[in-house]
Amino acid sequence: MLEKLLRIKSSIGSFIRDNLVSPTIIDKSSKFYSVIPGSILKSKYSTICIGVQFLSWDALEHFGNFNFIGDRAIIDHCKSIGSYCSISMDVKIGLRNHSLDTVCSSPFFYRKSKGFGIKNSPTESRATIIEHDVLISANTIVLEGVKLSTGCVVAAGAVVVSDVPPYAIVGGVPAKILKYRFSEEIIDALLISEWWNCDLDKIKNASSLFNDPLKFIEEIKN
């Protein structure tokens, strides 16, 4: 009987989530279909889809503009997400490591708040940082303390355990560099330009040059 009631409750919750939940719209530009930390409310032209969970609200200090986060993504120990980032469905970011120095790896042994631990473990905990123009494909796992640098791409299903350089494309378990999106010359020029901070109208006016990074950079300088 209890299992039947739980299944009914789950079905009702799924129906409400998928059919009745309306987005929170900020300044007619951003759409948020999930419960979000206050640090995201100022974001413009961003979309956060259904079922996204932010587990460490105090950790997220900055959230840029023009970001997309797909269904059921989980954002845990993450300090910053830049602008123009694309985070696909079922991605998990900033997952915390368990302590391996205690008698048992269960949180009951190293987190006082969990149960019978005397004090919190001294194990260092570092937040994940996501810079600008980062693409994180579906079903990716990014561990805590990792820095995803500007322009990098993470292939679907990858497990990222170390920092990813600017404009690198990584994949696999653990994730390794497969190649770079552009030449070193173009990468340096893009980083120096900081185009993601440019006025939106200036970027739109250079839309015909999106396929030519160097000419695009020259255009937005004017």
N, C-alpha and C. Protein backbone atom coordinates (compact mmCIF):
# COMPACT_ATOMS: atom_id res chain seq x y z
N MET A 1 0.83 -1.21 0.00
CA MET A 1 0.00 0.00 0.00
C MET A 1 0.87 1.26 0.00
N LEU A 2 1.91 1.23 0.85
CA LEU A 2 2.79 2.39 0.95
C LEU A 2 3.51 2.63 -0.37
N GLU A 3 3.98 1.54 -0.99
CA GLU A 3 4.67 1.68 -2.27
C GLU A 3 3.75 2.26 -3.33
N LYS A 4 2.48 1.86 -3.31
CA LYS A 4 1.50 2.37 -4.28
C LYS A 4 1.28 3.87 -4.08
N LEU A 5 1.17 4.30 -2.80
CA LEU A 5 0.99 5.72 -2.51
C LEU A 5 2.21 6.53 -2.94
N LEU A 6 3.40 5.98 -2.74
CA LEU A 6 4.62 6.67 -3.14
C LEU A 6 4.69 6.82 -4.65
N ARG A 7 4.25 5.79 -5.38
CA ARG A 7 4.24 5.87 -6.84
C ARG A 7 3.25 6.94 -7.33
N ILE A 8 2.09 7.01 -6.66
CA ILE A 8 1.10 8.03 -7.02
C ILE A 8 1.64 9.42 -6.76
N LYS A 9 2.30 9.59 -5.59
CA LYS A 9 2.89 10.88 -5.24
C LYS A 9 3.94 11.29 -6.26
N SER A 10 4.77 10.32 -6.68
CA SER A 10 5.80 10.61 -7.67
C SER A 10 5.19 11.01 -9.01
N SER A 11 4.12 10.33 -9.40
CA SER A 11 3.46 10.62 -10.67
C SER A 11 2.85 12.01 -10.66
N ILE A 12 2.22 12.39 -9.54
CA ILE A 12 1.62 13.72 -9.42
C ILE A 12 2.70 14.79 -9.48
N GLY A 13 3.81 14.54 -8.78
CA GLY A 13 4.91 15.50 -8.80
C GLY A 13 5.49 15.69 -10.19
N SER A 14 5.62 14.58 -10.93
CA SER A 14 6.15 14.66 -12.29
C SER A 14 5.20 15.43 -13.20
N PHE A 15 3.89 15.21 -13.02
CA PHE A 15 2.91 15.91 -13.86
C PHE A 15 2.97 17.42 -13.60
N ILE A 16 3.04 17.81 -12.33
CA ILE A 16 3.11 19.23 -11.98
C ILE A 16 4.37 19.85 -12.54
N ARG A 17 5.49 19.13 -12.39
CA ARG A 17 6.78 19.64 -12.86
C ARG A 17 6.78 19.85 -14.37
N ASP A 18 6.23 18.88 -15.10
CA ASP A 18 6.33 18.90 -16.56
C ASP A 18 5.25 19.71 -17.25
N ASN A 19 4.12 19.93 -16.56
CA ASN A 19 2.99 20.56 -17.24
C ASN A 19 2.46 21.83 -16.61
N LEU A 20 2.67 22.03 -15.32
CA LEU A 20 2.05 23.15 -14.65
C LEU A 20 3.02 24.21 -14.16
N VAL A 21 4.31 23.86 -14.05
CA VAL A 21 5.27 24.83 -13.53
C VAL A 21 5.54 25.90 -14.57
N SER A 22 5.32 27.15 -14.20
CA SER A 22 5.59 28.27 -15.10
C SER A 22 6.96 28.84 -14.79
N PRO A 23 7.63 29.36 -15.80
CA PRO A 23 8.97 29.91 -15.55
C PRO A 23 8.91 31.24 -14.80
N THR A 24 9.96 31.48 -14.02
CA THR A 24 10.15 32.81 -13.46
C THR A 24 10.87 33.64 -14.50
N ILE A 25 10.26 34.73 -14.94
CA ILE A 25 10.84 35.53 -16.01
C ILE A 25 11.37 36.84 -15.43
N ILE A 26 12.65 37.11 -15.65
CA ILE A 26 13.30 38.29 -15.11
C ILE A 26 13.56 39.27 -16.25
N ASP A 27 13.03 40.47 -16.15
CA ASP A 27 13.27 41.52 -17.15
C ASP A 27 12.97 41.05 -18.58
N LYS A 28 12.02 40.13 -18.72
CA LYS A 28 11.60 39.62 -20.03
C LYS A 28 12.77 39.04 -20.83
N SER A 29 13.84 38.66 -20.15
CA SER A 29 15.00 38.14 -20.87
C SER A 29 15.40 36.75 -20.40
N SER A 30 15.35 36.49 -19.11
CA SER A 30 15.76 35.19 -18.57
C SER A 30 14.54 34.37 -18.17
N LYS A 31 14.65 33.05 -18.32
CA LYS A 31 13.58 32.14 -17.92
C LYS A 31 14.16 31.07 -16.99
N PHE A 32 13.60 30.99 -15.79
CA PHE A 32 14.08 30.05 -14.79
C PHE A 32 12.94 29.10 -14.42
N TYR A 33 13.07 27.82 -14.79
CA TYR A 33 12.05 26.83 -14.51
C TYR A 33 12.35 26.03 -13.25
N SER A 34 13.43 26.37 -12.55
CA SER A 34 13.84 25.67 -11.33
C SER A 34 14.04 26.69 -10.22
N VAL A 35 14.11 26.18 -8.99
CA VAL A 35 14.41 27.04 -7.85
C VAL A 35 15.89 27.40 -7.91
N ILE A 36 16.18 28.71 -7.79
CA ILE A 36 17.55 29.17 -8.02
C ILE A 36 18.06 30.03 -6.86
N PRO A 37 19.38 30.08 -6.68
CA PRO A 37 19.97 30.98 -5.68
C PRO A 37 19.80 32.44 -6.09
N GLY A 38 19.85 33.33 -5.13
CA GLY A 38 19.69 34.75 -5.40
C GLY A 38 20.76 35.32 -6.31
N SER A 39 21.95 34.70 -6.33
CA SER A 39 23.04 35.21 -7.16
C SER A 39 22.73 35.10 -8.65
N ILE A 40 21.71 34.34 -9.02
CA ILE A 40 21.37 34.16 -10.43
C ILE A 40 20.32 35.16 -10.90
N LEU A 41 19.62 35.77 -9.98
CA LEU A 41 18.48 36.62 -10.34
C LEU A 41 18.85 37.79 -11.23
N LYS A 42 20.09 38.26 -11.17
CA LYS A 42 20.50 39.40 -11.98
C LYS A 42 20.94 38.99 -13.38
N SER A 43 21.01 37.71 -13.64
CA SER A 43 21.46 37.23 -14.94
C SER A 43 20.46 37.59 -16.03
N LYS A 44 20.97 38.00 -17.19
CA LYS A 44 20.12 38.38 -18.31
C LYS A 44 20.28 37.38 -19.45
N TYR A 45 19.17 37.12 -20.13
CA TYR A 45 19.14 36.25 -21.30
C TYR A 45 19.63 34.83 -20.99
N SER A 46 19.35 34.37 -19.79
CA SER A 46 19.74 33.01 -19.40
C SER A 46 18.50 32.13 -19.26
N THR A 47 18.68 30.84 -19.46
CA THR A 47 17.60 29.87 -19.30
C THR A 47 18.07 28.73 -18.41
N ILE A 48 17.29 28.45 -17.38
CA ILE A 48 17.56 27.31 -16.51
C ILE A 48 16.33 26.40 -16.60
N CYS A 49 16.54 25.21 -17.10
CA CYS A 49 15.42 24.31 -17.42
C CYS A 49 14.88 23.59 -16.19
N ILE A 50 13.99 22.64 -16.43
CA ILE A 50 13.27 21.94 -15.37
C ILE A 50 14.18 20.98 -14.62
N GLY A 51 14.01 20.92 -13.30
CA GLY A 51 14.69 19.93 -12.48
C GLY A 51 16.14 20.21 -12.18
N VAL A 52 16.61 21.43 -12.44
CA VAL A 52 18.00 21.79 -12.12
C VAL A 52 18.11 22.00 -10.61
N GLN A 53 19.12 21.43 -9.98
CA GLN A 53 19.31 21.55 -8.54
C GLN A 53 20.61 22.29 -8.23
N PHE A 54 20.49 23.30 -7.40
CA PHE A 54 21.66 24.01 -6.87
C PHE A 54 21.80 23.60 -5.41
N LEU A 55 22.84 22.82 -5.09
CA LEU A 55 22.94 22.21 -3.77
C LEU A 55 23.70 23.07 -2.76
N SER A 56 24.55 23.98 -3.25
CA SER A 56 25.35 24.82 -2.34
C SER A 56 25.13 26.28 -2.71
N TRP A 57 24.03 26.84 -2.24
CA TRP A 57 23.64 28.20 -2.63
C TRP A 57 24.68 29.23 -2.25
N ASP A 58 25.27 29.07 -1.07
CA ASP A 58 26.25 30.05 -0.59
C ASP A 58 27.54 30.03 -1.41
N ALA A 59 27.82 28.90 -2.04
CA ALA A 59 29.08 28.77 -2.80
C ALA A 59 29.05 29.56 -4.10
N LEU A 60 27.88 29.64 -4.75
CA LEU A 60 27.79 30.28 -6.06
C LEU A 60 27.77 31.80 -5.90
N GLU A 61 28.92 32.43 -6.14
CA GLU A 61 29.06 33.88 -5.94
C GLU A 61 28.76 34.68 -7.21
N HIS A 62 28.97 34.08 -8.38
CA HIS A 62 28.78 34.81 -9.63
C HIS A 62 28.14 33.92 -10.69
N PHE A 63 27.17 34.49 -11.41
CA PHE A 63 26.51 33.80 -12.51
C PHE A 63 26.30 34.83 -13.61
N GLY A 64 26.95 34.62 -14.76
CA GLY A 64 26.93 35.62 -15.83
C GLY A 64 25.65 35.65 -16.63
N ASN A 65 25.74 36.15 -17.85
CA ASN A 65 24.59 36.31 -18.73
C ASN A 65 24.66 35.33 -19.91
N PHE A 66 23.53 35.16 -20.59
CA PHE A 66 23.45 34.32 -21.78
C PHE A 66 23.86 32.88 -21.50
N ASN A 67 23.46 32.36 -20.35
CA ASN A 67 23.79 30.98 -19.99
C ASN A 67 22.59 30.06 -20.18
N PHE A 68 22.87 28.81 -20.47
CA PHE A 68 21.82 27.80 -20.58
C PHE A 68 22.20 26.60 -19.72
N ILE A 69 21.25 26.14 -18.89
CA ILE A 69 21.46 24.92 -18.10
C ILE A 69 20.29 23.98 -18.38
N GLY A 70 20.60 22.78 -18.86
CA GLY A 70 19.59 21.83 -19.28
C GLY A 70 18.93 21.08 -18.14
N ASP A 71 17.90 20.33 -18.50
CA ASP A 71 17.10 19.57 -17.52
C ASP A 71 17.96 18.69 -16.62
N ARG A 72 17.60 18.70 -15.34
CA ARG A 72 18.13 17.77 -14.33
C ARG A 72 19.62 17.93 -14.04
N ALA A 73 20.20 19.02 -14.45
CA ALA A 73 21.61 19.28 -14.08
C ALA A 73 21.70 19.50 -12.58
N ILE A 74 22.82 19.10 -12.00
CA ILE A 74 23.07 19.30 -10.57
C ILE A 74 24.32 20.15 -10.41
N ILE A 75 24.17 21.30 -9.76
CA ILE A 75 25.29 22.21 -9.50
C ILE A 75 25.55 22.19 -8.00
N ASP A 76 26.67 21.63 -7.60
CA ASP A 76 26.97 21.54 -6.17
C ASP A 76 27.99 22.60 -5.78
N HIS A 77 29.24 22.21 -5.54
CA HIS A 77 30.24 23.13 -5.00
C HIS A 77 30.88 23.93 -6.13
N CYS A 78 30.16 24.94 -6.62
CA CYS A 78 30.62 25.74 -7.76
C CYS A 78 30.62 27.21 -7.36
N LYS A 79 31.76 27.88 -7.54
CA LYS A 79 31.91 29.26 -7.11
C LYS A 79 31.45 30.26 -8.15
N SER A 80 31.67 29.95 -9.43
CA SER A 80 31.41 30.94 -10.46
C SER A 80 31.08 30.27 -11.79
N ILE A 81 30.11 30.84 -12.50
CA ILE A 81 29.79 30.45 -13.87
C ILE A 81 29.77 31.72 -14.69
N GLY A 82 30.61 31.79 -15.70
CA GLY A 82 30.74 33.01 -16.49
C GLY A 82 29.56 33.24 -17.41
N SER A 83 29.79 33.84 -18.56
CA SER A 83 28.73 34.15 -19.52
C SER A 83 28.86 33.28 -20.78
N TYR A 84 27.74 33.14 -21.48
CA TYR A 84 27.68 32.38 -22.74
C TYR A 84 28.07 30.92 -22.54
N CYS A 85 27.72 30.35 -21.39
CA CYS A 85 28.01 28.94 -21.13
C CYS A 85 26.81 28.07 -21.47
N SER A 86 27.09 26.87 -21.98
CA SER A 86 26.04 25.92 -22.34
C SER A 86 26.27 24.64 -21.54
N ILE A 87 25.36 24.38 -20.60
CA ILE A 87 25.46 23.21 -19.74
C ILE A 87 24.28 22.30 -20.07
N SER A 88 24.56 21.13 -20.60
CA SER A 88 23.51 20.26 -21.11
C SER A 88 22.79 19.49 -20.00
N MET A 89 21.85 18.65 -20.40
CA MET A 89 21.02 17.91 -19.45
C MET A 89 21.83 16.84 -18.72
N ASP A 90 21.42 16.60 -17.46
CA ASP A 90 21.99 15.55 -16.63
C ASP A 90 23.48 15.72 -16.34
N VAL A 91 23.95 16.95 -16.42
CA VAL A 91 25.35 17.24 -16.06
C VAL A 91 25.43 17.40 -14.54
N LYS A 92 26.55 16.99 -13.97
CA LYS A 92 26.78 17.13 -12.52
C LYS A 92 28.09 17.89 -12.33
N ILE A 93 28.01 19.01 -11.62
CA ILE A 93 29.16 19.91 -11.48
C ILE A 93 29.52 20.13 -10.01
N GLY A 94 30.80 20.07 -9.71
CA GLY A 94 31.27 20.38 -8.36
C GLY A 94 30.96 19.31 -7.34
N LEU A 95 30.87 18.06 -7.77
CA LEU A 95 30.58 16.98 -6.82
C LEU A 95 31.73 16.85 -5.83
N ARG A 96 31.37 16.73 -4.56
CA ARG A 96 32.38 16.72 -3.49
C ARG A 96 32.98 15.32 -3.33
N ASN A 97 34.26 15.29 -3.01
CA ASN A 97 34.94 14.03 -2.74
C ASN A 97 34.68 13.57 -1.31
N HIS A 98 34.69 12.28 -1.11
CA HIS A 98 34.59 11.73 0.24
C HIS A 98 35.98 11.69 0.88
N SER A 99 36.02 11.77 2.19
CA SER A 99 37.29 11.67 2.90
C SER A 99 37.77 10.22 2.87
N LEU A 100 39.02 10.04 2.49
CA LEU A 100 39.59 8.70 2.47
C LEU A 100 40.58 8.48 3.61
N ASP A 101 40.71 9.48 4.48
CA ASP A 101 41.68 9.40 5.58
C ASP A 101 41.05 8.92 6.88
N THR A 102 39.72 8.85 6.91
CA THR A 102 39.03 8.42 8.12
C THR A 102 38.81 6.91 8.08
N VAL A 103 38.38 6.36 9.22
CA VAL A 103 38.15 4.92 9.33
C VAL A 103 37.19 4.43 8.25
N CYS A 104 36.18 5.26 7.98
CA CYS A 104 35.16 4.91 6.99
C CYS A 104 34.96 6.10 6.05
N SER A 105 34.65 5.82 4.80
CA SER A 105 34.45 6.90 3.82
C SER A 105 33.06 7.51 3.89
N SER A 106 32.19 6.99 4.75
CA SER A 106 30.86 7.56 4.91
C SER A 106 30.94 8.95 5.55
N PRO A 107 30.10 9.91 5.09
CA PRO A 107 30.10 11.26 5.69
C PRO A 107 29.83 11.26 7.19
N PHE A 108 29.21 10.19 7.72
CA PHE A 108 28.96 10.13 9.16
C PHE A 108 30.26 10.15 9.96
N PHE A 109 31.36 9.80 9.30
CA PHE A 109 32.64 9.71 10.01
C PHE A 109 33.48 10.98 9.90
N TYR A 110 33.14 11.87 8.95
CA TYR A 110 33.99 13.05 8.79
C TYR A 110 33.23 14.37 8.70
N ARG A 111 31.92 14.33 8.84
CA ARG A 111 31.13 15.56 8.91
C ARG A 111 30.30 15.56 10.18
N LYS A 112 30.61 16.49 11.05
CA LYS A 112 29.94 16.56 12.34
C LYS A 112 28.43 16.68 12.19
N SER A 113 27.99 17.41 11.17
CA SER A 113 26.56 17.64 10.99
C SER A 113 25.81 16.39 10.57
N LYS A 114 26.53 15.39 10.07
CA LYS A 114 25.88 14.19 9.55
C LYS A 114 25.53 13.17 10.64
N GLY A 115 26.25 13.19 11.73
CA GLY A 115 25.95 12.16 12.72
C GLY A 115 26.92 12.14 13.87
N PHE A 116 27.76 11.12 13.91
CA PHE A 116 28.59 10.92 15.10
C PHE A 116 30.04 11.32 14.91
N GLY A 117 30.34 12.08 13.85
CA GLY A 117 31.69 12.61 13.70
C GLY A 117 31.98 13.66 14.77
N ILE A 118 33.16 13.62 15.39
CA ILE A 118 33.50 14.57 16.44
C ILE A 118 33.76 15.95 15.86
N LYS A 119 34.42 15.99 14.73
CA LYS A 119 34.69 17.26 14.06
C LYS A 119 34.79 17.02 12.57
N ASN A 120 34.66 18.10 11.81
CA ASN A 120 34.75 17.97 10.36
C ASN A 120 36.17 17.60 9.95
N SER A 121 36.28 16.81 8.91
CA SER A 121 37.58 16.41 8.40
C SER A 121 38.33 17.61 7.87
N PRO A 122 39.65 17.69 8.08
CA PRO A 122 40.45 18.80 7.55
C PRO A 122 40.69 18.70 6.05
N THR A 123 40.14 17.65 5.40
CA THR A 123 40.34 17.48 3.97
C THR A 123 39.95 18.75 3.21
N GLU A 124 40.86 19.25 2.38
CA GLU A 124 40.63 20.49 1.65
C GLU A 124 39.47 20.35 0.67
N SER A 125 38.63 21.37 0.63
CA SER A 125 37.50 21.37 -0.29
C SER A 125 37.55 22.65 -1.11
N ARG A 126 37.67 22.50 -2.44
CA ARG A 126 37.77 23.67 -3.31
C ARG A 126 36.60 23.70 -4.28
N ALA A 127 36.09 24.90 -4.53
CA ALA A 127 34.94 25.05 -5.41
C ALA A 127 35.35 24.98 -6.87
N THR A 128 34.43 24.51 -7.70
CA THR A 128 34.63 24.48 -9.14
C THR A 128 34.43 25.88 -9.72
N ILE A 129 35.19 26.20 -10.76
CA ILE A 129 35.06 27.50 -11.44
C ILE A 129 34.84 27.25 -12.93
N ILE A 130 33.80 27.86 -13.47
CA ILE A 130 33.51 27.77 -14.90
C ILE A 130 33.62 29.17 -15.48
N GLU A 131 34.52 29.35 -16.44
CA GLU A 131 34.71 30.67 -17.03
C GLU A 131 33.69 30.93 -18.13
N HIS A 132 34.07 31.58 -19.22
CA HIS A 132 33.11 32.01 -20.24
C HIS A 132 33.14 31.09 -21.47
N ASP A 133 32.01 31.04 -22.18
CA ASP A 133 31.92 30.28 -23.44
C ASP A 133 32.35 28.83 -23.22
N VAL A 134 31.87 28.23 -22.15
CA VAL A 134 32.19 26.84 -21.84
C VAL A 134 31.02 25.96 -22.24
N LEU A 135 31.29 24.89 -22.97
CA LEU A 135 30.27 23.93 -23.38
C LEU A 135 30.49 22.63 -22.62
N ILE A 136 29.49 22.25 -21.82
CA ILE A 136 29.55 21.00 -21.06
C ILE A 136 28.43 20.11 -21.58
N SER A 137 28.80 19.05 -22.27
CA SER A 137 27.81 18.20 -22.94
C SER A 137 27.12 17.25 -21.96
N ALA A 138 26.08 16.58 -22.46
CA ALA A 138 25.19 15.78 -21.61
C ALA A 138 25.92 14.68 -20.84
N ASN A 139 25.43 14.44 -19.62
CA ASN A 139 25.89 13.35 -18.76
C ASN A 139 27.34 13.47 -18.32
N THR A 140 27.87 14.67 -18.35
CA THR A 140 29.24 14.92 -17.89
C THR A 140 29.27 15.05 -16.37
N ILE A 141 30.37 14.63 -15.77
CA ILE A 141 30.61 14.83 -14.34
C ILE A 141 31.87 15.67 -14.19
N VAL A 142 31.75 16.77 -13.45
CA VAL A 142 32.89 17.66 -13.17
C VAL A 142 33.10 17.68 -11.67
N LEU A 143 34.24 17.20 -11.20
CA LEU A 143 34.48 17.13 -9.76
C LEU A 143 34.80 18.49 -9.17
N GLU A 144 34.70 18.59 -7.85
CA GLU A 144 34.96 19.85 -7.18
C GLU A 144 36.42 20.26 -7.35
N GLY A 145 36.65 21.59 -7.34
CA GLY A 145 38.00 22.11 -7.44
C GLY A 145 38.53 22.23 -8.84
N VAL A 146 37.76 21.80 -9.84
CA VAL A 146 38.20 21.86 -11.24
C VAL A 146 37.89 23.23 -11.83
N LYS A 147 38.80 23.73 -12.66
CA LYS A 147 38.57 24.98 -13.39
C LYS A 147 38.38 24.68 -14.86
N LEU A 148 37.21 25.05 -15.39
CA LEU A 148 36.93 24.92 -16.82
C LEU A 148 37.18 26.29 -17.44
N SER A 149 38.27 26.41 -18.16
CA SER A 149 38.70 27.71 -18.67
C SER A 149 37.87 28.16 -19.87
N THR A 150 37.95 29.44 -20.16
CA THR A 150 37.17 30.05 -21.23
C THR A 150 37.32 29.29 -22.55
N GLY A 151 36.18 29.07 -23.20
CA GLY A 151 36.17 28.48 -24.53
C GLY A 151 36.32 26.97 -24.59
N CYS A 152 36.48 26.31 -23.45
CA CYS A 152 36.70 24.87 -23.50
C CYS A 152 35.40 24.11 -23.75
N VAL A 153 35.55 22.86 -24.21
CA VAL A 153 34.42 21.99 -24.52
C VAL A 153 34.65 20.65 -23.83
N VAL A 154 33.60 20.16 -23.14
CA VAL A 154 33.66 18.85 -22.50
C VAL A 154 32.71 17.92 -23.24
N ALA A 155 33.24 16.82 -23.78
CA ALA A 155 32.44 15.88 -24.56
C ALA A 155 31.47 15.13 -23.66
N ALA A 156 30.40 14.63 -24.26
CA ALA A 156 29.35 13.93 -23.52
C ALA A 156 29.91 12.74 -22.76
N GLY A 157 29.45 12.58 -21.52
CA GLY A 157 29.82 11.44 -20.71
C GLY A 157 31.20 11.49 -20.09
N ALA A 158 31.90 12.59 -20.24
CA ALA A 158 33.25 12.69 -19.68
C ALA A 158 33.21 12.86 -18.17
N VAL A 159 34.29 12.48 -17.52
CA VAL A 159 34.48 12.72 -16.09
C VAL A 159 35.71 13.60 -15.95
N VAL A 160 35.51 14.86 -15.56
CA VAL A 160 36.59 15.84 -15.52
C VAL A 160 37.15 15.91 -14.10
N VAL A 161 38.42 15.56 -13.96
CA VAL A 161 39.04 15.51 -12.63
C VAL A 161 40.16 16.53 -12.48
N SER A 162 40.50 17.25 -13.56
CA SER A 162 41.57 18.25 -13.49
C SER A 162 41.22 19.44 -14.36
N ASP A 163 41.95 20.54 -14.19
CA ASP A 163 41.67 21.78 -14.91
C ASP A 163 41.75 21.58 -16.42
N VAL A 164 40.90 22.33 -17.13
CA VAL A 164 40.87 22.27 -18.59
C VAL A 164 41.35 23.62 -19.14
N PRO A 165 42.36 23.64 -20.01
CA PRO A 165 42.90 24.91 -20.54
C PRO A 165 41.91 25.62 -21.46
N PRO A 166 42.15 26.90 -21.74
CA PRO A 166 41.27 27.66 -22.64
C PRO A 166 41.15 27.01 -24.01
N TYR A 167 39.93 26.88 -24.49
CA TYR A 167 39.59 26.41 -25.84
C TYR A 167 40.03 24.97 -26.12
N ALA A 168 40.31 24.21 -25.06
CA ALA A 168 40.62 22.79 -25.23
C ALA A 168 39.32 21.99 -25.33
N ILE A 169 39.35 20.92 -26.11
CA ILE A 169 38.24 19.98 -26.18
C ILE A 169 38.68 18.71 -25.47
N VAL A 170 37.95 18.32 -24.42
CA VAL A 170 38.34 17.15 -23.63
C VAL A 170 37.22 16.11 -23.66
N GLY A 171 37.60 14.85 -23.45
CA GLY A 171 36.63 13.78 -23.41
C GLY A 171 37.23 12.55 -22.76
N GLY A 172 36.36 11.61 -22.37
CA GLY A 172 36.82 10.36 -21.80
C GLY A 172 36.73 10.30 -20.29
N VAL A 173 37.13 9.15 -19.74
CA VAL A 173 37.10 8.91 -18.30
C VAL A 173 38.46 8.36 -17.88
N PRO A 174 39.29 9.15 -17.18
CA PRO A 174 39.08 10.58 -16.91
C PRO A 174 39.30 11.40 -18.19
N ALA A 175 38.77 12.61 -18.19
CA ALA A 175 38.83 13.45 -19.39
C ALA A 175 40.27 13.83 -19.74
N LYS A 176 40.58 13.74 -21.03
CA LYS A 176 41.89 14.13 -21.54
C LYS A 176 41.70 15.07 -22.74
N ILE A 177 42.73 15.88 -23.02
CA ILE A 177 42.65 16.82 -24.14
C ILE A 177 42.67 16.04 -25.46
N LEU A 178 41.65 16.29 -26.29
CA LEU A 178 41.57 15.66 -27.60
C LEU A 178 42.16 16.57 -28.68
N LYS A 179 41.84 17.85 -28.59
CA LYS A 179 42.39 18.85 -29.50
C LYS A 179 41.99 20.22 -29.00
N TYR A 180 42.34 21.26 -29.74
CA TYR A 180 41.95 22.64 -29.40
C TYR A 180 41.02 23.18 -30.49
N ARG A 181 40.14 24.07 -30.10
CA ARG A 181 39.17 24.62 -31.05
C ARG A 181 39.83 25.48 -32.11
N PHE A 182 40.86 26.22 -31.73
CA PHE A 182 41.51 27.16 -32.64
C PHE A 182 43.02 27.06 -32.51
N SER A 183 43.70 27.79 -33.38
CA SER A 183 45.16 27.89 -33.29
C SER A 183 45.54 28.72 -32.07
N GLU A 184 46.80 28.63 -31.68
CA GLU A 184 47.28 29.39 -30.52
C GLU A 184 47.12 30.89 -30.75
N GLU A 185 47.33 31.34 -31.98
CA GLU A 185 47.18 32.76 -32.31
C GLU A 185 45.75 33.24 -32.06
N ILE A 186 44.79 32.47 -32.53
CA ILE A 186 43.38 32.86 -32.37
C ILE A 186 42.96 32.78 -30.91
N ILE A 187 43.42 31.74 -30.21
CA ILE A 187 43.07 31.60 -28.80
C ILE A 187 43.56 32.80 -28.00
N ASP A 188 44.81 33.19 -28.22
CA ASP A 188 45.37 34.35 -27.50
C ASP A 188 44.57 35.61 -27.81
N ALA A 189 44.21 35.79 -29.08
CA ALA A 189 43.47 36.98 -29.47
C ALA A 189 42.09 37.01 -28.83
N LEU A 190 41.42 35.88 -28.77
CA LEU A 190 40.10 35.81 -28.16
C LEU A 190 40.16 36.12 -26.67
N LEU A 191 41.16 35.57 -26.00
CA LEU A 191 41.29 35.80 -24.55
C LEU A 191 41.59 37.26 -24.25
N ILE A 192 42.46 37.86 -25.06
CA ILE A 192 42.81 39.27 -24.85
C ILE A 192 41.61 40.17 -25.11
N SER A 193 40.80 39.81 -26.10
CA SER A 193 39.66 40.65 -26.47
C SER A 193 38.58 40.71 -25.40
N GLU A 194 38.43 39.62 -24.63
CA GLU A 194 37.34 39.53 -23.64
C GLU A 194 36.00 39.93 -24.25
N TRP A 195 35.72 39.39 -25.44
CA TRP A 195 34.53 39.77 -26.19
C TRP A 195 33.25 39.55 -25.41
N TRP A 196 33.24 38.60 -24.48
CA TRP A 196 32.03 38.27 -23.70
C TRP A 196 31.59 39.42 -22.79
N ASN A 197 32.46 40.41 -22.62
CA ASN A 197 32.10 41.60 -21.84
C ASN A 197 31.59 42.74 -22.71
N CYS A 198 31.58 42.53 -24.03
CA CYS A 198 31.18 43.60 -24.96
C CYS A 198 29.68 43.86 -24.90
N ASP A 199 29.30 45.05 -25.30
CA ASP A 199 27.90 45.41 -25.41
C ASP A 199 27.20 44.48 -26.40
N LEU A 200 25.97 44.10 -26.10
CA LEU A 200 25.24 43.16 -26.94
C LEU A 200 25.06 43.68 -28.36
N ASP A 201 24.77 44.95 -28.50
CA ASP A 201 24.58 45.51 -29.85
C ASP A 201 25.85 45.40 -30.68
N LYS A 202 26.98 45.60 -30.04
CA LYS A 202 28.26 45.50 -30.76
C LYS A 202 28.49 44.08 -31.25
N ILE A 203 28.12 43.09 -30.44
CA ILE A 203 28.27 41.69 -30.84
C ILE A 203 27.32 41.37 -31.99
N LYS A 204 26.08 41.84 -31.88
CA LYS A 204 25.10 41.58 -32.94
C LYS A 204 25.53 42.21 -34.27
N ASN A 205 26.11 43.39 -34.20
CA ASN A 205 26.53 44.07 -35.42
C ASN A 205 27.67 43.34 -36.13
N ALA A 206 28.35 42.49 -35.39
CA ALA A 206 29.46 41.73 -35.99
C ALA A 206 29.04 40.29 -36.30
N SER A 207 27.75 40.03 -36.37
CA SER A 207 27.24 38.66 -36.54
C SER A 207 27.72 38.01 -37.84
N SER A 208 27.95 38.80 -38.88
CA SER A 208 28.40 38.23 -40.16
C SER A 208 29.82 37.69 -40.07
N LEU A 209 30.52 37.99 -38.97
CA LEU A 209 31.91 37.57 -38.81
C LEU A 209 32.09 36.48 -37.75
N PHE A 210 30.97 35.89 -37.31
CA PHE A 210 31.06 34.87 -36.26
C PHE A 210 31.94 33.69 -36.67
N ASN A 211 32.05 33.41 -37.96
CA ASN A 211 32.86 32.28 -38.42
C ASN A 211 34.31 32.66 -38.70
N ASP A 212 34.65 33.90 -38.41
CA ASP A 212 36.02 34.37 -38.61
C ASP A 212 36.46 35.11 -37.34
N PRO A 213 36.97 34.37 -36.35
CA PRO A 213 37.27 34.96 -35.04
C PRO A 213 38.15 36.21 -35.08
N LEU A 214 39.20 36.22 -35.91
CA LEU A 214 40.11 37.36 -35.93
C LEU A 214 39.43 38.61 -36.48
N LYS A 215 38.64 38.46 -37.54
CA LYS A 215 37.91 39.60 -38.08
C LYS A 215 36.82 40.07 -37.11
N PHE A 216 36.22 39.11 -36.42
CA PHE A 216 35.21 39.45 -35.41
C PHE A 216 35.83 40.32 -34.31
N ILE A 217 37.00 39.93 -33.86
CA ILE A 217 37.70 40.68 -32.81
C ILE A 217 38.01 42.10 -33.28
N GLU A 218 38.48 42.22 -34.51
CA GLU A 218 38.80 43.54 -35.05
C GLU A 218 37.56 44.40 -35.12
N GLU A 219 36.44 43.79 -35.49
CA GLU A 219 35.20 44.54 -35.62
C GLU A 219 34.71 45.08 -34.28
N ILE A 220 34.75 44.26 -33.25
CA ILE A 220 34.22 44.70 -31.96
C ILE A 220 35.16 45.69 -31.26
N LYS A 221 36.40 45.79 -31.73
CA LYS A 221 37.32 46.79 -31.18
C LYS A 221 36.91 48.21 -31.56
N ASN A 222 36.26 48.33 -32.71
CA ASN A 222 35.91 49.66 -33.23
C ASN A 222 34.73 50.27 -32.48
